Protein backbone atom coordinates (compact mmCIF):
# COMPACT_ATOMS: atom_id res chain seq x y z
CA MET A 1 -39.70 14.73 -28.81
CA SER A 2 -37.93 17.63 -27.39
CA ALA A 3 -39.62 19.54 -24.44
CA SER A 4 -41.87 22.67 -25.22
CA PHE A 5 -40.03 26.24 -24.47
CA ALA A 6 -43.46 27.15 -22.89
CA PHE A 7 -42.53 25.17 -19.74
CA PRO A 8 -39.23 25.53 -17.66
CA PRO A 9 -37.02 22.61 -17.52
CA ILE A 10 -37.21 20.48 -14.64
CA GLY A 11 -35.17 21.51 -11.87
CA PHE A 12 -35.67 25.22 -12.26
CA GLY A 13 -38.11 27.63 -11.19
CA PRO A 14 -40.11 27.91 -7.97
CA GLY A 15 -39.77 25.14 -5.43
CA SER A 16 -36.52 23.86 -7.07
CA ALA A 17 -34.25 25.54 -4.59
CA PRO A 18 -33.76 24.02 -1.01
CA PRO A 19 -35.75 25.93 1.72
CA GLU A 20 -33.86 28.94 3.27
CA GLY A 21 -31.46 27.84 6.01
CA GLU A 22 -31.06 24.29 4.52
CA ASP A 23 -27.93 23.26 2.56
CA GLY A 24 -28.18 21.68 -0.75
CA LEU A 25 -27.18 18.34 -1.91
CA GLN A 26 -24.43 16.84 0.45
CA TYR A 27 -21.50 15.08 -1.37
CA LEU A 28 -19.22 12.75 0.13
CA ALA A 29 -15.67 14.31 0.63
CA MET A 30 -13.35 12.78 -1.63
CA PRO A 31 -9.56 12.09 -1.03
CA SER A 32 -7.30 15.19 -1.34
CA GLY A 33 -3.67 16.14 -0.88
CA VAL A 34 -1.79 14.08 -3.67
CA SER A 35 1.81 13.61 -2.76
CA VAL A 36 4.27 15.12 -5.29
CA TYR A 37 8.06 14.13 -5.42
CA ALA A 38 10.32 17.12 -4.28
CA ALA A 39 14.02 16.97 -4.45
CA HIS A 40 15.78 17.22 -1.15
CA LEU A 41 19.47 17.41 -0.28
CA PRO A 42 20.70 16.62 3.22
CA GLU A 43 22.77 19.12 4.94
CA ILE A 44 26.31 17.93 5.36
CA ASP A 45 28.79 19.99 7.49
CA ASP A 46 31.58 17.55 7.29
CA PRO A 47 31.82 15.55 3.96
CA GLU A 48 34.73 13.38 5.02
CA ARG A 49 32.91 12.40 8.23
CA VAL A 50 30.09 11.06 6.25
CA ARG A 51 31.95 9.36 3.28
CA PRO A 52 30.32 5.92 4.04
CA ALA A 53 26.86 7.51 3.50
CA MET A 54 27.98 8.74 0.17
CA ALA A 55 29.37 5.32 -0.94
CA PHE A 56 26.08 3.71 0.42
CA LEU A 57 23.89 6.11 -1.69
CA GLU A 58 26.08 5.72 -4.99
CA GLY A 59 25.84 1.79 -4.52
CA LEU A 60 22.06 2.31 -4.13
CA ARG A 61 22.09 4.26 -7.32
CA ASP A 62 23.95 1.85 -9.22
CA MET A 63 21.60 -1.03 -8.12
CA ALA A 64 18.63 1.16 -9.14
CA ALA A 65 20.02 1.67 -12.55
CA GLN A 66 20.40 -1.96 -13.03
CA TRP A 67 16.97 -2.94 -11.87
CA GLY A 68 14.43 -4.53 -14.44
CA PRO A 69 10.78 -5.53 -14.18
CA GLY A 70 10.18 -8.62 -12.10
CA ARG A 71 13.52 -8.46 -10.26
CA SER A 72 14.15 -7.66 -6.63
CA LEU A 73 17.59 -6.33 -5.56
CA LEU A 74 18.79 -6.16 -1.96
CA LEU A 75 21.57 -3.89 -0.41
CA LYS A 76 22.27 -4.35 3.51
CA ARG A 77 22.61 -1.25 5.46
CA ASP A 78 25.84 -2.30 7.18
CA GLY A 79 28.90 -0.26 8.05
CA LEU A 80 27.27 3.36 8.74
CA ASP A 81 27.62 5.21 11.99
CA ALA A 82 25.14 7.47 13.46
CA ALA A 83 26.13 10.30 11.42
CA SER A 84 26.15 8.53 8.12
CA ARG A 85 22.91 6.92 8.94
CA ALA A 86 21.22 10.21 9.45
CA VAL A 87 22.42 11.34 5.96
CA VAL A 88 21.10 8.33 4.46
CA ASP A 89 17.67 8.77 5.96
CA ASP A 90 17.51 12.31 5.26
CA ALA A 91 18.35 11.81 1.60
CA LEU A 92 15.84 8.80 1.13
CA GLY A 93 12.94 10.33 3.13
CA GLU A 94 9.68 8.72 3.61
CA GLY A 95 7.27 7.81 0.68
CA GLU A 96 3.59 6.91 0.39
CA VAL A 97 3.53 3.37 1.45
CA SER A 98 4.41 1.72 4.95
CA VAL A 99 4.18 -1.99 5.70
CA LEU A 100 4.32 -3.89 8.85
CA LEU A 101 4.78 -7.64 9.07
CA ASP A 102 3.84 -9.52 12.31
CA ASP A 103 3.39 -13.17 11.63
CA GLY A 104 4.43 -14.36 15.15
CA ALA A 105 8.02 -15.11 14.05
CA GLY A 106 9.17 -11.51 14.32
CA ARG A 107 8.40 -8.06 13.09
CA ILE A 108 9.51 -6.41 9.97
CA GLU A 109 8.78 -2.72 9.48
CA VAL A 110 8.99 -1.42 5.77
CA GLN A 111 8.92 1.98 4.56
CA GLU A 112 9.04 3.28 0.83
CA THR A 113 11.47 5.98 0.28
CA VAL A 114 10.56 9.22 -1.51
CA PHE A 115 11.87 7.06 -4.37
CA ALA A 116 9.21 4.96 -5.45
CA GLY A 117 10.06 1.14 -5.49
CA ILE A 118 13.09 1.72 -3.18
CA TRP A 119 12.25 0.37 0.21
CA THR A 120 13.88 0.47 3.58
CA LEU A 121 13.21 -2.95 5.60
CA ARG A 122 13.96 -3.16 9.43
CA ALA A 123 13.60 -6.45 11.41
CA LEU A 124 13.06 -5.63 14.93
CA SER A 125 14.36 -7.21 18.24
CA PRO A 126 11.79 -9.44 20.16
CA ASP A 127 10.80 -6.52 22.36
CA ASP A 128 10.46 -4.11 19.41
CA SER A 129 12.91 -1.74 21.02
CA GLN A 130 15.54 -1.52 18.13
CA ALA A 131 16.24 -2.79 14.49
CA VAL A 132 18.48 -5.73 14.60
CA ARG A 133 18.73 -6.02 10.78
CA GLU A 134 18.34 -3.31 8.12
CA GLN A 135 18.47 -3.59 4.25
CA MET A 136 17.28 -1.74 1.31
CA GLU A 137 15.16 -3.51 -1.50
CA ILE A 138 14.48 -2.38 -4.93
CA GLY A 139 11.34 -3.74 -6.71
CA ALA A 140 7.65 -3.28 -7.18
CA PHE A 141 7.11 -4.68 -3.61
CA PRO A 142 9.34 -6.21 -0.89
CA ARG A 143 9.63 -9.93 -1.56
CA ALA A 144 10.65 -10.43 2.06
CA VAL A 145 7.09 -9.33 3.05
CA LEU A 146 5.36 -11.45 0.42
CA ALA A 147 7.19 -14.64 1.64
CA ARG A 148 5.64 -14.37 5.00
CA ALA A 149 2.23 -12.62 4.41
CA PHE A 150 -0.03 -15.79 4.67
CA PRO A 151 0.07 -18.93 6.66
CA ALA A 152 0.07 -22.28 4.84
CA ARG A 153 -3.07 -23.22 3.22
CA SER A 154 -5.47 -25.42 5.48
CA ALA A 155 -5.96 -28.86 3.95
CA THR A 156 -9.69 -28.89 4.75
CA ALA A 157 -12.08 -26.25 3.31
CA PRO A 158 -14.43 -24.46 5.93
CA ASP A 159 -18.12 -25.69 6.08
CA ILE A 160 -19.61 -22.26 5.12
CA ALA A 161 -23.08 -23.33 5.56
CA ALA A 162 -22.52 -24.80 9.13
CA LEU A 163 -20.84 -21.38 10.07
CA ALA A 164 -23.85 -19.13 8.82
CA SER A 165 -25.87 -17.76 11.37
CA PRO A 166 -29.14 -15.83 11.04
CA GLY A 167 -29.03 -12.79 9.17
CA VAL A 168 -26.45 -14.19 6.71
CA VAL A 169 -27.53 -13.39 2.92
CA ASN A 170 -24.75 -13.23 0.38
CA ALA A 171 -21.61 -14.18 2.39
CA PRO A 172 -21.69 -17.76 1.35
CA ALA A 173 -21.64 -16.92 -2.32
CA ILE A 174 -19.00 -14.40 -1.95
CA LEU A 175 -16.83 -16.79 0.22
CA THR A 176 -17.34 -19.59 -2.36
CA GLU A 177 -16.09 -17.24 -5.12
CA LEU A 178 -12.97 -16.06 -3.03
CA LEU A 179 -12.06 -19.55 -1.95
CA ASP A 180 -12.12 -20.94 -5.38
CA ARG A 181 -10.03 -17.91 -6.67
CA SER A 182 -7.61 -18.30 -4.11
CA ALA A 183 -7.02 -21.95 -4.67
CA ALA A 184 -6.76 -21.41 -8.52
CA TRP A 185 -4.39 -18.54 -8.15
CA ARG A 186 -1.04 -18.90 -9.84
CA PRO A 187 1.77 -16.48 -10.54
CA GLY A 188 0.76 -13.97 -13.41
CA CYS A 189 -2.83 -14.48 -12.80
CA ALA A 190 -4.87 -11.12 -13.16
CA ALA A 191 -6.23 -9.62 -9.86
CA HIS A 192 -9.90 -10.57 -9.18
CA VAL A 193 -11.78 -8.02 -7.15
CA ILE A 194 -15.07 -8.12 -5.15
CA ASN A 195 -16.51 -4.70 -4.64
CA LEU A 196 -18.48 -4.91 -1.30
CA SER A 197 -19.43 -1.23 -1.47
CA LEU A 198 -21.74 -2.37 -4.54
CA LEU A 199 -23.01 -5.59 -3.18
CA PRO A 200 -26.00 -5.97 -0.89
CA HIS A 201 -24.80 -7.33 2.55
CA THR A 202 -25.64 -7.42 6.07
CA PRO A 203 -23.42 -7.03 9.34
CA GLU A 204 -23.68 -10.66 9.57
CA ASP A 205 -22.29 -11.31 6.00
CA LEU A 206 -19.25 -9.25 7.02
CA ASP A 207 -18.72 -11.14 10.10
CA LEU A 208 -18.87 -14.37 8.45
CA ILE A 209 -16.54 -13.24 5.58
CA ALA A 210 -14.10 -11.86 8.17
CA SER A 211 -14.16 -15.21 10.19
CA VAL A 212 -13.75 -17.53 7.40
CA LEU A 213 -10.87 -15.60 5.56
CA GLY A 214 -9.15 -15.03 8.85
CA ARG A 215 -6.29 -12.54 9.46
CA GLY A 216 -2.95 -12.64 7.94
CA GLY A 217 0.48 -11.03 9.17
CA VAL A 218 0.68 -8.03 6.92
CA THR A 219 -0.84 -4.49 7.05
CA ILE A 220 -0.07 -2.00 4.35
CA LEU A 221 -1.04 1.70 4.44
CA SER A 222 -0.81 3.75 1.15
CA ARG A 223 -1.07 7.45 1.58
CA GLY A 224 -0.87 8.51 -2.16
CA TYR A 225 -4.39 9.84 -2.50
CA GLY A 226 -6.38 9.70 0.80
CA ASN A 227 -5.69 6.63 2.56
CA CYS A 228 -5.85 3.04 1.45
CA ARG A 229 -5.63 0.35 4.11
CA ILE A 230 -4.57 -3.17 3.09
CA GLU A 231 -4.71 -6.28 5.11
CA ALA A 232 -3.68 -9.72 4.35
CA THR A 233 -6.08 -12.40 5.33
CA ALA A 234 -5.22 -15.91 6.46
CA THR A 235 -6.37 -17.14 3.15
CA PRO A 236 -3.48 -17.39 0.61
CA HIS A 237 -3.41 -14.43 -1.94
CA VAL A 238 -6.55 -12.70 -0.68
CA TRP A 239 -6.42 -9.11 0.64
CA ARG A 240 -8.94 -6.75 2.19
CA VAL A 241 -8.63 -3.29 0.72
CA ARG A 242 -10.47 -0.32 2.04
CA TYR A 243 -10.07 3.24 0.71
CA PHE A 244 -10.79 6.22 3.07
CA ASN A 245 -11.17 9.94 2.31
CA SER A 246 -9.27 12.77 4.15
CA MET A 247 -12.21 12.61 6.82
CA ASP A 248 -11.52 8.99 7.30
CA THR A 249 -14.63 7.90 6.05
CA LEU A 250 -14.90 4.52 4.06
CA ILE A 251 -15.55 5.08 0.41
CA LEU A 252 -14.69 2.00 -1.11
CA ASP A 253 -14.60 -1.55 0.42
CA THR A 254 -13.17 -4.46 -1.57
CA ILE A 255 -11.50 -7.86 -1.41
CA GLU A 256 -8.78 -8.75 -3.91
CA VAL A 257 -7.24 -12.05 -4.81
CA ALA A 258 -3.83 -11.19 -6.17
CA GLU A 259 -0.11 -11.53 -5.29
CA VAL A 260 -0.35 -8.09 -3.84
CA PRO A 261 -2.80 -5.25 -4.63
CA GLU A 262 -1.53 -2.89 -7.38
CA ILE A 263 -2.23 0.16 -5.31
CA ALA A 264 0.72 -0.71 -2.87
CA CYS A 265 3.24 -1.46 -5.90
CA ALA A 266 5.61 0.74 -7.67
CA ALA A 267 5.15 0.77 -11.41
CA PRO A 268 8.21 -0.03 -13.56
CA GLU A 269 8.34 3.42 -14.99
CA ASP A 270 8.22 4.95 -11.62
CA ILE A 271 11.23 2.79 -10.31
CA ALA A 272 13.14 4.08 -13.55
CA ASP A 273 12.24 7.68 -12.48
CA SER A 274 13.60 6.84 -9.03
CA ALA A 275 16.86 5.72 -10.46
CA ALA A 276 17.26 8.73 -12.35
CA ARG A 277 16.28 11.05 -9.31
CA LEU A 278 18.57 9.15 -7.06
CA ALA A 279 21.34 9.80 -9.51
CA GLU A 280 20.69 13.43 -9.58
CA ILE A 281 20.77 13.45 -5.64
CA CYS A 282 24.16 11.69 -5.77
CA ALA A 283 25.60 13.97 -8.39
CA ALA A 284 24.52 17.09 -6.29
CA LEU A 285 26.11 15.79 -3.07
CA ALA A 286 29.30 14.89 -4.94
CA GLY A 287 29.19 18.41 -6.38
CA GLY A 288 28.87 19.83 -2.97
CA ASP A 289 31.76 18.03 -1.69
CA ALA A 290 34.06 19.29 -4.33
């Protein structure tokens, strides 16, 4: 039965507004500042001097045009002097996703370029003072990182009940589900996500989950829309994925069982766009040399 017009609707009229001097509803600030691609041409004073940079970018363009889903293509960054290296870095820029691999066997820094799916990888010296090896990789996510993201699986399963302390409520059930999904994971499996933001849990639950899953060697930061911080656990194919707004407030806390969380990957259509945009940059630079 519809409400009578003799009475004002709920939420209107005297007493419905907040008292003077008090704010109304307080909403959680959501992410803002979406990154948008903008073409950029490096300034070249002497085209002949940076001819190796042009050849490198053209080689990268050709590789990007040959890329197909499921593939990973590599191109070493050899033979570039300081001037050519600066032109390449300026042309490629920095994109939304950065990765740090530190598994005790050496550090690798990865930066997505402004061309989605085209990545710069730098293997650092033992003292982290310089890059000892550099290469480009074209693909959804760098395979060199995934190959070392997780330690070898332990032969014995943890005794979750013995590790539980007072205050633990839901962690045992969550961990049982995650460990089962991790053991059953195979290439091509759909991602399995547990949303901790929607599940009741205590601080002791979170401590036990972190202790049992452990810490892997990969940290990913995606800045496409707010900040998404992704950390590999020491349990194969299990990732901690947390989303923060522009005020660095946690707005979504999840654990994902997958090869790599989709938020960190470039989509096939984005890589195709990158190949076309890189071709446009090369054509513009070649035209400027004429």
